[in-house]
């Protein structure tokens, strides 16, 4: 017969496992549970950018985030959405998608 203490411990372990695995599942699907950008770059680095990712404001982050991947290093850099050069890059991307 299983004691109530053993049952409670097993239930707790199972619940903890489910919570951890659910968090890992969300992360593996690309769902961020917080803002990714703490600092942003406003200095023009356009010629070093390989790709740009736009993340609209959502329930986990109130700010639109623009993340650029650099060509040589593969490093991800957060761009300042208010910087004029960043606005031009975003406009070019949006225009090219319309075609």
PDB file of N, CA and C in Angstrom:
ATOM      1  N   UNK A   1       0.844  -1.179   0.000  1.00  0.00           N
ATOM      2  CA  UNK A   1       0.000   0.000   0.000  1.00  0.00           C
ATOM      3  C   UNK A   1       0.893   1.249   0.000  1.00  0.00           C
ATOM      4  N   UNK A   2       0.522   2.266  -0.753  1.00  0.00           N
ATOM      5  CA  UNK A   2       1.302   3.491  -0.880  1.00  0.00           C
ATOM      6  C   UNK A   2       0.853   4.475   0.191  1.00  0.00           C
ATOM      7  N   UNK A   3       1.829   5.001   0.919  1.00  0.00           N
ATOM      8  CA  UNK A   3       1.475   5.977   1.949  1.00  0.00           C
ATOM      9  C   UNK A   3       1.136   7.308   1.294  1.00  0.00           C
ATOM     10  N   UNK A   4       0.417   8.138   1.995  1.00  0.00           N
ATOM     11  CA  UNK A   4       0.026   9.433   1.436  1.00  0.00           C
ATOM     12  C   UNK A   4       1.252  10.317   1.215  1.00  0.00           C
ATOM     13  N   UNK A   5       2.280  10.152   2.034  1.00  0.00           N
ATOM     14  CA  UNK A   5       3.504  10.941   1.875  1.00  0.00           C
ATOM     15  C   UNK A   5       4.221  10.543   0.581  1.00  0.00           C
ATOM     16  N   UNK A   6       4.329   9.257   0.308  1.00  0.00           N
ATOM     17  CA  UNK A   6       4.949   8.793  -0.932  1.00  0.00           C
ATOM     18  C   UNK A   6       4.135   9.229  -2.143  1.00  0.00           C
ATOM     19  N   UNK A   7       2.824   9.169  -2.020  1.00  0.00           N
ATOM     20  CA  UNK A   7       1.956   9.592  -3.111  1.00  0.00           C
ATOM     21  C   UNK A   7       2.147  11.080  -3.392  1.00  0.00           C
ATOM     22  N   UNK A   8       2.200  11.896  -2.348  1.00  0.00           N
ATOM     23  CA  UNK A   8       2.383  13.340  -2.506  1.00  0.00           C
ATOM     24  C   UNK A   8       3.737  13.641  -3.138  1.00  0.00           C
ATOM     25  N   UNK A   9       4.770  12.932  -2.731  1.00  0.00           N
ATOM     26  CA  UNK A   9       6.104  13.128  -3.306  1.00  0.00           C
ATOM     27  C   UNK A   9       6.103  12.763  -4.784  1.00  0.00           C
ATOM     28  N   UNK A  10       5.508  11.648  -5.128  1.00  0.00           N
ATOM     29  CA  UNK A  10       5.444  11.216  -6.523  1.00  0.00           C
ATOM     30  C   UNK A  10       4.646  12.215  -7.364  1.00  0.00           C
ATOM     31  N   UNK A  11       3.550  12.699  -6.813  1.00  0.00           N
ATOM     32  CA  UNK A  11       2.728  13.680  -7.527  1.00  0.00           C
ATOM     33  C   UNK A  11       3.514  14.968  -7.753  1.00  0.00           C
ATOM     34  N   UNK A  12       4.259  15.400  -6.743  1.00  0.00           N
ATOM     35  CA  UNK A  12       5.062  16.617  -6.857  1.00  0.00           C
ATOM     36  C   UNK A  12       6.140  16.450  -7.931  1.00  0.00           C
ATOM     37  N   UNK A  13       6.827  15.324  -7.924  1.00  0.00           N
ATOM     38  CA  UNK A  13       7.876  15.062  -8.914  1.00  0.00           C
ATOM     39  C   UNK A  13       7.283  15.051 -10.318  1.00  0.00           C
ATOM     40  N   UNK A  14       6.151  14.405 -10.485  1.00  0.00           N
ATOM     41  CA  UNK A  14       5.493  14.360 -11.789  1.00  0.00           C
ATOM     42  C   UNK A  14       5.092  15.767 -12.244  1.00  0.00           C
ATOM     43  N   UNK A  15       4.522  16.546 -11.354  1.00  0.00           N
ATOM     44  CA  UNK A  15       4.116  17.906 -11.675  1.00  0.00           C
ATOM     45  C   UNK A  15       5.330  18.751 -12.060  1.00  0.00           C
ATOM     46  N   UNK A  16       6.413  18.633 -11.294  1.00  0.00           N
ATOM     47  CA  UNK A  16       7.631  19.385 -11.610  1.00  0.00           C
ATOM     48  C   UNK A  16       8.165  18.993 -12.984  1.00  0.00           C
ATOM     49  N   UNK A  17       8.147  17.708 -13.291  1.00  0.00           N
ATOM     50  CA  UNK A  17       8.602  17.239 -14.593  1.00  0.00           C
ATOM     51  C   UNK A  17       7.752  17.833 -15.715  1.00  0.00           C
ATOM     52  N   UNK A  18       6.442  17.866 -15.533  1.00  0.00           N
ATOM     53  CA  UNK A  18       5.548  18.413 -16.550  1.00  0.00           C
ATOM     54  C   UNK A  18       5.793  19.897 -16.767  1.00  0.00           C
ATOM     55  N   UNK A  19       6.007  20.627 -15.687  1.00  0.00           N
ATOM     56  CA  UNK A  19       6.258  22.067 -15.803  1.00  0.00           C
ATOM     57  C   UNK A  19       7.561  22.309 -16.552  1.00  0.00           C
ATOM     58  N   UNK A  20       8.616  21.588 -16.200  1.00  0.00           N
ATOM     59  CA  UNK A  20       9.906  21.761 -16.862  1.00  0.00           C
ATOM     60  C   UNK A  20       9.816  21.354 -18.324  1.00  0.00           C
ATOM     61  N   UNK A  21       9.202  20.239 -18.611  1.00  0.00           N
ATOM     62  CA  UNK A  21       9.124  19.785 -20.000  1.00  0.00           C
ATOM     63  C   UNK A  21       8.244  20.710 -20.836  1.00  0.00           C
ATOM     64  N   UNK A  22       7.209  21.290 -20.257  1.00  0.00           N
ATOM     65  CA  UNK A  22       6.365  22.230 -20.994  1.00  0.00           C
ATOM     66  C   UNK A  22       7.165  23.480 -21.340  1.00  0.00           C
ATOM     67  N   UNK A  23       7.942  23.983 -20.395  1.00  0.00           N
ATOM     68  CA  UNK A  23       8.790  25.142 -20.660  1.00  0.00           C
ATOM     69  C   UNK A  23       9.792  24.857 -21.757  1.00  0.00           C
ATOM     70  N   UNK A  24      10.379  23.667 -21.745  1.00  0.00           N
ATOM     71  CA  UNK A  24      11.337  23.297 -22.780  1.00  0.00           C
ATOM     72  C   UNK A  24      10.635  23.174 -24.118  1.00  0.00           C
ATOM     73  N   UNK A  25       9.430  22.684 -24.138  1.00  0.00           N
ATOM     74  CA  UNK A  25       8.682  22.545 -25.380  1.00  0.00           C
ATOM     75  C   UNK A  25       8.382  23.913 -25.977  1.00  0.00           C
ATOM     76  N   UNK A  26       7.941  24.858 -25.173  1.00  0.00           N
ATOM     77  CA  UNK A  26       7.665  26.205 -25.663  1.00  0.00           C
ATOM     78  C   UNK A  26       8.929  26.839 -26.218  1.00  0.00           C
ATOM     79  N   UNK A  27      10.045  26.699 -25.529  1.00  0.00           N
ATOM     80  CA  UNK A  27      11.299  27.291 -25.985  1.00  0.00           C
ATOM     81  C   UNK A  27      11.748  26.642 -27.294  1.00  0.00           C
ATOM     82  N   UNK A  28      11.575  25.322 -27.402  1.00  0.00           N
ATOM     83  CA  UNK A  28      11.996  24.642 -28.623  1.00  0.00           C
ATOM     84  C   UNK A  28      11.133  25.049 -29.815  1.00  0.00           C
ATOM     85  N   UNK A  29       9.937  25.532 -29.544  1.00  0.00           N
ATOM     86  CA  UNK A  29       9.060  26.000 -30.615  1.00  0.00           C
ATOM     87  C   UNK A  29       9.332  27.457 -30.977  1.00  0.00           C
ATOM     88  N   UNK A  30      10.302  28.071 -30.298  1.00  0.00           N
ATOM     89  CA  UNK A  30      10.640  29.454 -30.589  1.00  0.00           C
ATOM     90  C   UNK A  30       9.794  30.451 -29.825  1.00  0.00           C
ATOM     91  N   UNK A  31       9.053  30.019 -28.828  1.00  0.00           N
ATOM     92  CA  UNK A  31       8.225  30.922 -28.039  1.00  0.00           C
ATOM     93  C   UNK A  31       9.073  31.481 -26.907  1.00  0.00           C
ATOM     94  N   UNK A  32       9.262  32.788 -26.919  1.00  0.00           N
ATOM     95  CA  UNK A  32      10.019  33.441 -25.863  1.00  0.00           C
ATOM     96  C   UNK A  32       9.059  33.909 -24.779  1.00  0.00           C
ATOM     97  N   UNK A  33       9.457  33.737 -23.541  1.00  0.00           N
ATOM     98  CA  UNK A  33       8.596  34.134 -22.437  1.00  0.00           C
ATOM     99  C   UNK A  33       9.030  35.459 -21.822  1.00  0.00           C
ATOM    100  N   UNK A  34       9.919  36.178 -22.513  1.00  0.00           N
ATOM    101  CA  UNK A  34      10.391  37.477 -22.060  1.00  0.00           C
ATOM    102  C   UNK A  34      11.023  38.192 -23.251  1.00  0.00           C
ATOM    103  N   UNK A  35      11.383  39.468 -23.078  1.00  0.00           N
ATOM    104  CA  UNK A  35      12.070  40.198 -24.142  1.00  0.00           C
ATOM    105  C   UNK A  35      13.461  39.612 -24.344  1.00  0.00           C
ATOM    106  N   UNK A  36      13.885  39.507 -25.587  1.00  0.00           N
ATOM    107  CA  UNK A  36      15.226  39.000 -25.876  1.00  0.00           C
ATOM    108  C   UNK A  36      16.256  40.119 -25.863  1.00  0.00           C
ATOM    109  N   UNK A  37      15.833  41.341 -26.159  1.00  0.00           N
ATOM    110  CA  UNK A  37      16.769  42.461 -26.277  1.00  0.00           C
ATOM    111  C   UNK A  37      16.839  43.270 -24.985  1.00  0.00           C
ATOM    112  N   UNK A  38      18.021  43.304 -24.422  1.00  0.00           N
ATOM    113  CA  UNK A  38      18.253  44.139 -23.246  1.00  0.00           C
ATOM    114  C   UNK A  38      18.884  45.450 -23.693  1.00  0.00           C
ATOM    115  N   UNK A  39      19.847  45.354 -24.594  1.00  0.00           N
ATOM    116  CA  UNK A  39      20.502  46.530 -25.169  1.00  0.00           C
ATOM    117  C   UNK A  39      20.288  46.501 -26.673  1.00  0.00           C
ATOM    118  N   UNK A  40      20.273  47.694 -27.289  1.00  0.00           N
ATOM    119  CA  UNK A  40      20.121  47.758 -28.741  1.00  0.00           C
ATOM    120  C   UNK A  40      21.282  48.540 -29.344  1.00  0.00           C
ATOM    121  N   UNK A  41      21.571  48.220 -30.578  1.00  0.00           N
ATOM    122  CA  UNK A  41      22.645  48.867 -31.331  1.00  0.00           C
ATOM    123  C   UNK A  41      22.046  49.919 -32.241  1.00  0.00           C
ATOM    124  N   UNK A  42      22.562  51.155 -32.180  1.00  0.00           N
ATOM    125  CA  UNK A  42      22.056  52.205 -33.066  1.00  0.00           C
ATOM    126  C   UNK A  42      23.106  52.634 -34.083  1.00  0.00           C
ATOM    127  N   UNK A  43      24.358  52.196 -33.905  1.00  0.00           N
ATOM    128  CA  UNK A  43      25.421  52.502 -34.858  1.00  0.00           C
ATOM    129  C   UNK A  43      25.189  51.692 -36.135  1.00  0.00           C
ATOM    130  N   UNK A  44      25.295  52.321 -37.308  1.00  0.00           N
ATOM    131  CA  UNK A  44      25.061  51.597 -38.562  1.00  0.00           C
ATOM    132  C   UNK A  44      26.007  50.401 -38.740  1.00  0.00           C
ATOM    133  N   UNK A  45      25.424  49.219 -38.926  1.00  0.00           N
ATOM    134  CA  UNK A  45      26.198  47.999 -39.161  1.00  0.00           C
ATOM    135  C   UNK A  45      25.603  47.225 -40.332  1.00  0.00           C
ATOM    136  N   UNK A  46      24.842  47.918 -41.176  1.00  0.00           N
ATOM    137  CA  UNK A  46      24.080  47.282 -42.248  1.00  0.00           C
ATOM    138  C   UNK A  46      24.869  46.335 -43.120  1.00  0.00           C
ATOM    139  N   UNK A  47      26.097  46.684 -43.479  1.00  0.00           N
ATOM    140  CA  UNK A  47      26.862  45.828 -44.399  1.00  0.00           C
ATOM    141  C   UNK A  47      27.332  44.534 -43.745  1.00  0.00           C
ATOM    142  N   UNK A  48      27.224  44.437 -42.424  1.00  0.00           N
ATOM    143  CA  UNK A  48      27.656  43.241 -41.700  1.00  0.00           C
ATOM    144  C   UNK A  48      26.507  42.283 -41.394  1.00  0.00           C
ATOM    145  N   UNK A  49      25.297  42.651 -41.795  1.00  0.00           N
ATOM    146  CA  UNK A  49      24.109  41.872 -41.443  1.00  0.00           C
ATOM    147  C   UNK A  49      23.837  40.793 -42.480  1.00  0.00           C
ATOM    148  N   UNK A  50      23.632  39.578 -41.998  1.00  0.00           N
ATOM    149  CA  UNK A  50      23.251  38.464 -42.874  1.00  0.00           C
ATOM    150  C   UNK A  50      21.739  38.334 -42.967  1.00  0.00           C
ATOM    151  N   UNK A  51      21.053  38.396 -41.803  1.00  0.00           N
ATOM    152  CA  UNK A  51      19.596  38.305 -41.810  1.00  0.00           C
ATOM    153  C   UNK A  51      19.031  39.134 -40.656  1.00  0.00           C
ATOM    154  N   UNK A  52      17.754  39.477 -40.789  1.00  0.00           N
ATOM    155  CA  UNK A  52      17.065  40.291 -39.792  1.00  0.00           C
ATOM    156  C   UNK A  52      15.777  39.593 -39.396  1.00  0.00           C
ATOM    157  N   UNK A  53      15.498  39.578 -38.099  1.00  0.00           N
ATOM    158  CA  UNK A  53      14.277  38.972 -37.574  1.00  0.00           C
ATOM    159  C   UNK A  53      13.480  40.054 -36.852  1.00  0.00           C
ATOM    160  N   UNK A  54      12.226  40.222 -37.237  1.00  0.00           N
ATOM    161  CA  UNK A  54      11.336  41.172 -36.573  1.00  0.00           C
ATOM    162  C   UNK A  54      10.419  40.403 -35.640  1.00  0.00           C
ATOM    163  N   UNK A  55      10.394  40.810 -34.381  1.00  0.00           N
ATOM    164  CA  UNK A  55       9.515  40.177 -33.406  1.00  0.00           C
ATOM    165  C   UNK A  55       8.558  41.255 -32.911  1.00  0.00           C
ATOM    166  N   UNK A  56       7.294  41.192 -33.317  1.00  0.00           N
ATOM    167  CA  UNK A  56       6.334  42.214 -32.897  1.00  0.00           C
ATOM    168  C   UNK A  56       6.089  42.174 -31.385  1.00  0.00           C
ATOM    169  N   UNK A  57       5.628  43.287 -30.846  1.00  0.00           N
ATOM    170  CA  UNK A  57       5.259  43.335 -29.433  1.00  0.00           C
ATOM    171  C   UNK A  57       4.207  42.261 -29.170  1.00  0.00           C
ATOM    172  N   UNK A  58       4.298  41.645 -27.989  1.00  0.00           N
ATOM    173  CA  UNK A  58       3.346  40.594 -27.639  1.00  0.00           C
ATOM    174  C   UNK A  58       3.124  40.591 -26.132  1.00  0.00           C
ATOM    175  N   UNK A  59       2.442  39.591 -25.632  1.00  0.00           N
ATOM    176  CA  UNK A  59       2.108  39.554 -24.207  1.00  0.00           C
ATOM    177  C   UNK A  59       3.341  39.359 -23.316  1.00  0.00           C
ATOM    178  N   UNK A  60       4.441  38.870 -23.892  1.00  0.00           N
ATOM    179  CA  UNK A  60       5.650  38.642 -23.105  1.00  0.00           C
ATOM    180  C   UNK A  60       6.652  39.790 -23.219  1.00  0.00           C
ATOM    181  N   UNK A  61       6.479  40.649 -24.215  1.00  0.00           N
ATOM    182  CA  UNK A  61       7.396  41.772 -24.408  1.00  0.00           C
ATOM    183  C   UNK A  61       6.630  42.910 -25.072  1.00  0.00           C
ATOM    184  N   UNK A  62       6.626  44.062 -24.444  1.00  0.00           N
ATOM    185  CA  UNK A  62       5.852  45.195 -24.942  1.00  0.00           C
ATOM    186  C   UNK A  62       6.519  45.894 -26.123  1.00  0.00           C
ATOM    187  N   UNK A  63       7.799  45.632 -26.360  1.00  0.00           N
ATOM    188  CA  UNK A  63       8.553  46.311 -27.404  1.00  0.00           C
ATOM    189  C   UNK A  63       8.679  45.443 -28.653  1.00  0.00           C
ATOM    190  N   UNK A  64       8.659  46.086 -29.820  1.00  0.00           N
ATOM    191  CA  UNK A  64       9.012  45.386 -31.045  1.00  0.00           C
ATOM    192  C   UNK A  64      10.518  45.178 -31.018  1.00  0.00           C
ATOM    193  N   UNK A  65      10.952  43.952 -31.295  1.00  0.00           N
ATOM    194  CA  UNK A  65      12.376  43.660 -31.257  1.00  0.00           C
ATOM    195  C   UNK A  65      12.865  43.340 -32.662  1.00  0.00           C
ATOM    196  N   UNK A  66      14.033  43.882 -32.992  1.00  0.00           N
ATOM    197  CA  UNK A  66      14.650  43.646 -34.288  1.00  0.00           C
ATOM    198  C   UNK A  66      16.017  43.034 -34.011  1.00  0.00           C
ATOM    199  N   UNK A  67      16.177  41.789 -34.436  1.00  0.00           N
ATOM    200  CA  UNK A  67      17.407  41.060 -34.137  1.00  0.00           C
ATOM    201  C   UNK A  67      18.109  40.726 -35.447  1.00  0.00           C
ATOM    202  N   UNK A  68      19.351  41.210 -35.566  1.00  0.00           N
ATOM    203  CA  UNK A  68      20.152  40.965 -36.763  1.00  0.00           C
ATOM    204  C   UNK A  68      21.194  39.900 -36.462  1.00  0.00           C
ATOM    205  N   UNK A  69      21.412  39.017 -37.426  1.00  0.00           N
ATOM    206  CA  UNK A  69      22.475  38.024 -37.333  1.00  0.00           C
ATOM    207  C   UNK A  69      23.623  38.518 -38.210  1.00  0.00           C
ATOM    208  N   UNK A  70      24.824  38.575 -37.633  1.00  0.00           N
ATOM    209  CA  UNK A  70      25.981  39.087 -38.354  1.00  0.00           C
ATOM    210  C   UNK A  70      26.583  38.020 -39.268  1.00  0.00           C
ATOM    211  N   UNK A  71      27.101  38.455 -40.411  1.00  0.00           N
ATOM    212  CA  UNK A  71      27.627  37.540 -41.430  1.00  0.00           C
ATOM    213  C   UNK A  71      28.798  36.706 -40.930  1.00  0.00           C
ATOM    214  N   UNK A  72      29.834  37.341 -40.441  1.00  0.00           N
ATOM    215  CA  UNK A  72      31.072  36.620 -40.121  1.00  0.00           C
ATOM    216  C   UNK A  72      30.963  35.754 -38.874  1.00  0.00           C
ATOM    217  N   UNK A  73      30.418  36.317 -37.803  1.00  0.00           N
ATOM    218  CA  UNK A  73      30.431  35.612 -36.518  1.00  0.00           C
ATOM    219  C   UNK A  73      29.156  34.832 -36.229  1.00  0.00           C
ATOM    220  N   UNK A  74      28.059  35.182 -36.905  1.00  0.00           N
ATOM    221  CA  UNK A  74      26.778  34.554 -36.600  1.00  0.00           C
ATOM    222  C   UNK A  74      26.159  35.103 -35.326  1.00  0.00           C
ATOM    223  N   UNK A  75      26.797  36.097 -34.738  1.00  0.00           N
ATOM    224  CA  UNK A  75      26.312  36.716 -33.498  1.00  0.00           C
ATOM    225  C   UNK A  75      24.990  37.440 -33.757  1.00  0.00           C
ATOM    226  N   UNK A  76      24.094  37.377 -32.771  1.00  0.00           N
ATOM    227  CA  UNK A  76      22.828  38.097 -32.875  1.00  0.00           C
ATOM    228  C   UNK A  76      22.954  39.424 -32.145  1.00  0.00           C
ATOM    229  N   UNK A  77      22.514  40.496 -32.814  1.00  0.00           N
ATOM    230  CA  UNK A  77      22.591  41.846 -32.266  1.00  0.00           C
ATOM    231  C   UNK A  77      21.199  42.459 -32.329  1.00  0.00           C
ATOM    232  N   UNK A  78      20.773  43.043 -31.227  1.00  0.00           N
ATOM    233  CA  UNK A  78      19.483  43.737 -31.195  1.00  0.00           C
ATOM    234  C   UNK A  78      19.666  45.140 -31.752  1.00  0.00           C
ATOM    235  N   UNK A  79      18.801  45.513 -32.677  1.00  0.00           N
ATOM    236  CA  UNK A  79      18.890  46.823 -33.310  1.00  0.00           C
ATOM    237  C   UNK A  79      17.866  47.774 -32.711  1.00  0.00           C
ATOM    238  N   UNK A  80      18.242  49.035 -32.660  1.00  0.00           N
ATOM    239  CA  UNK A  80      17.356  50.079 -32.143  1.00  0.00           C
ATOM    240  C   UNK A  80      16.293  50.392 -33.196  1.00  0.00           C
ATOM    241  N   UNK A  81      15.021  50.079 -32.927  1.00  0.00           N
ATOM    242  CA  UNK A  81      13.977  50.308 -33.933  1.00  0.00           C
ATOM    243  C   UNK A  81      13.761  51.783 -34.270  1.00  0.00           C
ATOM    244  N   UNK A  82      14.278  52.677 -33.452  1.00  0.00           N
ATOM    245  CA  UNK A  82      14.117  54.112 -33.706  1.00  0.00           C
ATOM    246  C   UNK A  82      15.275  54.707 -34.501  1.00  0.00           C
ATOM    247  N   UNK A  83      16.357  53.967 -34.700  1.00  0.00           N
ATOM    248  CA  UNK A  83      17.506  54.473 -35.460  1.00  0.00           C
ATOM    249  C   UNK A  83      17.111  54.609 -36.933  1.00  0.00           C
ATOM    250  N   UNK A  84      17.429  55.749 -37.558  1.00  0.00           N
ATOM    251  CA  UNK A  84      17.034  55.965 -38.960  1.00  0.00           C
ATOM    252  C   UNK A  84      17.526  54.874 -39.905  1.00  0.00           C
ATOM    253  N   UNK A  85      18.746  54.395 -39.749  1.00  0.00           N
ATOM    254  CA  UNK A  85      19.274  53.363 -40.658  1.00  0.00           C
ATOM    255  C   UNK A  85      18.521  52.045 -40.487  1.00  0.00           C
ATOM    256  N   UNK A  86      18.074  51.762 -39.260  1.00  0.00           N
ATOM    257  CA  UNK A  86      17.314  50.529 -39.013  1.00  0.00           C
ATOM    258  C   UNK A  86      15.949  50.640 -39.690  1.00  0.00           C
ATOM    259  N   UNK A  87      15.336  51.798 -39.600  1.00  0.00           N
ATOM    260  CA  UNK A  87      14.047  52.017 -40.266  1.00  0.00           C
ATOM    261  C   UNK A  87      14.170  51.810 -41.775  1.00  0.00           C
ATOM    262  N   UNK A  88      15.293  52.280 -42.367  1.00  0.00           N
ATOM    263  CA  UNK A  88      15.495  52.092 -43.810  1.00  0.00           C
ATOM    264  C   UNK A  88      15.641  50.604 -44.149  1.00  0.00           C
ATOM    265  N   UNK A  89      16.388  49.865 -43.333  1.00  0.00           N
ATOM    266  CA  UNK A  89      16.566  48.426 -43.564  1.00  0.00           C
ATOM    267  C   UNK A  89      15.222  47.712 -43.493  1.00  0.00           C
ATOM    268  N   UNK A  90      14.429  48.042 -42.489  1.00  0.00           N
ATOM    269  CA  UNK A  90      13.116  47.402 -42.321  1.00  0.00           C
ATOM    270  C   UNK A  90      12.211  47.736 -43.501  1.00  0.00           C
ATOM    271  N   UNK A  91      12.211  48.988 -43.936  1.00  0.00           N
ATOM    272  CA  UNK A  91      11.395  49.375 -45.097  1.00  0.00           C
ATOM    273  C   UNK A  91      11.804  48.599 -46.341  1.00  0.00           C
ATOM    274  N   UNK A  92      13.126  48.410 -46.560  1.00  0.00           N
ATOM    275  CA  UNK A  92      13.597  47.629 -47.708  1.00  0.00           C
ATOM    276  C   UNK A  92      13.085  46.190 -47.632  1.00  0.00           C
ATOM    277  N   UNK A  93      13.153  45.613 -46.453  1.00  0.00           N
ATOM    278  CA  UNK A  93      12.688  44.236 -46.282  1.00  0.00           C
ATOM    279  C   UNK A  93      11.201  44.140 -46.571  1.00  0.00           C
ATOM    280  N   UNK A  94      10.418  45.074 -46.027  1.00  0.00           N
ATOM    281  CA  UNK A  94       8.972  45.050 -46.239  1.00  0.00           C
ATOM    282  C   UNK A  94       8.616  45.264 -47.703  1.00  0.00           C
ATOM    283  N   UNK A  95       9.342  46.152 -48.389  1.00  0.00           N
ATOM    284  CA  UNK A  95       9.088  46.390 -49.807  1.00  0.00           C
ATOM    285  C   UNK A  95       9.420  45.158 -50.650  1.00  0.00           C
ATOM    286  N   UNK A  96      10.499  44.478 -50.297  1.00  0.00           N
ATOM    287  CA  UNK A  96      10.875  43.296 -51.073  1.00  0.00           C
ATOM    288  C   UNK A  96       9.884  42.149 -50.875  1.00  0.00           C
ATOM    289  N   UNK A  97       9.223  42.107 -49.748  1.00  0.00           N
ATOM    290  CA  UNK A  97       8.214  41.063 -49.503  1.00  0.00           C
ATOM    291  C   UNK A  97       6.942  41.312 -50.279  1.00  0.00           C
ATOM    292  N   UNK A  98       6.666  42.574 -50.630  1.00  0.00           N
ATOM    293  CA  UNK A  98       5.454  42.901 -51.372  1.00  0.00           C
ATOM    294  C   UNK A  98       5.526  42.418 -52.813  1.00  0.00           C
ATOM    295  N   UNK A  99       6.726  42.274 -53.339  1.00  0.00           N
ATOM    296  CA  UNK A  99       6.903  41.886 -54.756  1.00  0.00           C
ATOM    297  C   UNK A  99       6.629  40.457 -54.987  1.00  0.00           C
TER     298      UNK A  99
END
